[in-house]
């Protein structure tokens, strides 16, 4: 089961990030494209630090440090639309 951080995701590069601590997986959507990436073998210690942190974390730096070098699978796409109200 994937979990979202309980604090506000304020990132210039990450649209959404979810963590699966038991399987050491992280699912990431970047703001610059419509794909969802699944990263395997992410450090369990790094994932747990996200949940016990007070929200003082850069998710872009987390992904670069702990996800980018691991096996990646594109698991989905979503459509970004410009909505006007």
Protein backbone atom coordinates (compact mmCIF):
# COMPACT_ATOMS: atom_id res chain seq x y z
CA UNK A 1 0.00 0.00 0.00
CA UNK A 2 1.30 3.42 -0.93
CA UNK A 3 1.18 6.35 1.47
CA UNK A 4 1.39 10.08 0.85
CA UNK A 5 3.27 12.35 3.24
CA UNK A 6 0.88 14.03 5.67
CA UNK A 7 2.41 17.46 5.15
CA UNK A 8 2.06 19.77 2.15
CA UNK A 9 3.98 18.80 -0.97
CA UNK A 10 5.58 22.07 -1.98
CA UNK A 11 7.99 21.14 -4.75
CA UNK A 12 9.04 22.86 -7.96
CA UNK A 13 9.66 19.51 -9.71
CA UNK A 14 7.44 16.88 -8.04
CA UNK A 15 3.68 16.85 -8.68
CA UNK A 16 2.96 13.82 -6.48
CA UNK A 17 4.99 11.33 -4.44
CA UNK A 18 3.85 8.19 -2.62
CA UNK A 19 5.80 5.67 -0.56
CA UNK A 20 5.44 1.94 0.07
CA UNK A 21 7.76 1.29 3.03
CA UNK A 22 7.40 -2.54 3.22
CA UNK A 23 8.39 -2.99 -0.43
CA UNK A 24 10.90 -0.08 -0.54
CA UNK A 25 9.11 1.48 -3.51
CA UNK A 26 8.42 5.12 -4.33
CA UNK A 27 5.93 6.31 -6.95
CA UNK A 28 6.62 9.77 -8.42
CA UNK A 29 4.86 12.10 -10.83
CA UNK A 30 7.00 14.95 -12.11
CA UNK A 31 5.57 18.33 -13.11
CA UNK A 32 7.36 18.34 -16.48
CA UNK A 33 5.59 15.29 -17.97
CA UNK A 34 2.51 13.11 -17.58
CA UNK A 35 4.15 9.81 -16.61
CA UNK A 36 4.11 8.07 -13.25
CA UNK A 37 7.39 6.39 -12.31
CA UNK A 38 7.78 3.50 -9.88
CA UNK A 39 11.21 3.25 -8.24
CA UNK A 40 12.28 -0.04 -6.62
CA UNK A 41 14.94 -0.74 -3.98
CA UNK A 42 14.72 2.70 -2.40
CA UNK A 43 16.42 2.90 0.99
CA UNK A 44 13.98 1.93 3.75
CA UNK A 45 15.83 4.28 6.09
CA UNK A 46 15.37 7.19 3.68
CA UNK A 47 11.65 6.43 3.30
CA UNK A 48 11.15 6.30 7.06
CA UNK A 49 12.98 9.63 7.47
CA UNK A 50 10.33 11.24 5.24
CA UNK A 51 7.53 10.08 7.53
CA UNK A 52 9.26 11.10 10.75
CA UNK A 53 10.43 14.43 9.38
CA UNK A 54 8.50 17.60 10.23
CA UNK A 55 7.96 18.50 6.57
CA UNK A 56 11.40 20.05 6.22
CA UNK A 57 12.43 17.98 3.21
CA UNK A 58 13.11 18.63 -0.46
CA UNK A 59 11.33 15.93 -2.43
CA UNK A 60 13.34 16.76 -5.54
CA UNK A 61 16.57 16.15 -3.63
CA UNK A 62 15.08 12.97 -2.12
CA UNK A 63 14.26 11.59 -5.58
CA UNK A 64 17.69 12.51 -6.95
CA UNK A 65 19.52 11.00 -3.97
CA UNK A 66 17.50 7.83 -3.35
CA UNK A 67 15.43 7.00 -6.44
CA UNK A 68 17.15 8.01 -9.68
CA UNK A 69 19.81 5.28 -9.56
CA UNK A 70 17.30 2.48 -8.95
CA UNK A 71 15.18 0.37 -11.27
CA UNK A 72 12.38 2.46 -12.74
CA UNK A 73 9.11 1.40 -14.35
CA UNK A 74 6.63 3.73 -16.00
CA UNK A 75 3.33 2.63 -14.48
CA UNK A 76 0.89 5.13 -15.94
CA UNK A 77 0.10 8.40 -17.58
CA UNK A 78 -2.33 11.13 -16.71
CA UNK A 79 -3.67 14.01 -18.74
CA UNK A 80 -2.93 17.52 -17.60
CA UNK A 81 -5.56 20.02 -18.66
CA UNK A 82 -5.71 23.75 -18.29
CA UNK A 83 -9.00 24.48 -16.58
CA UNK A 84 -10.46 27.94 -16.43
CA UNK A 85 -13.09 28.97 -13.95
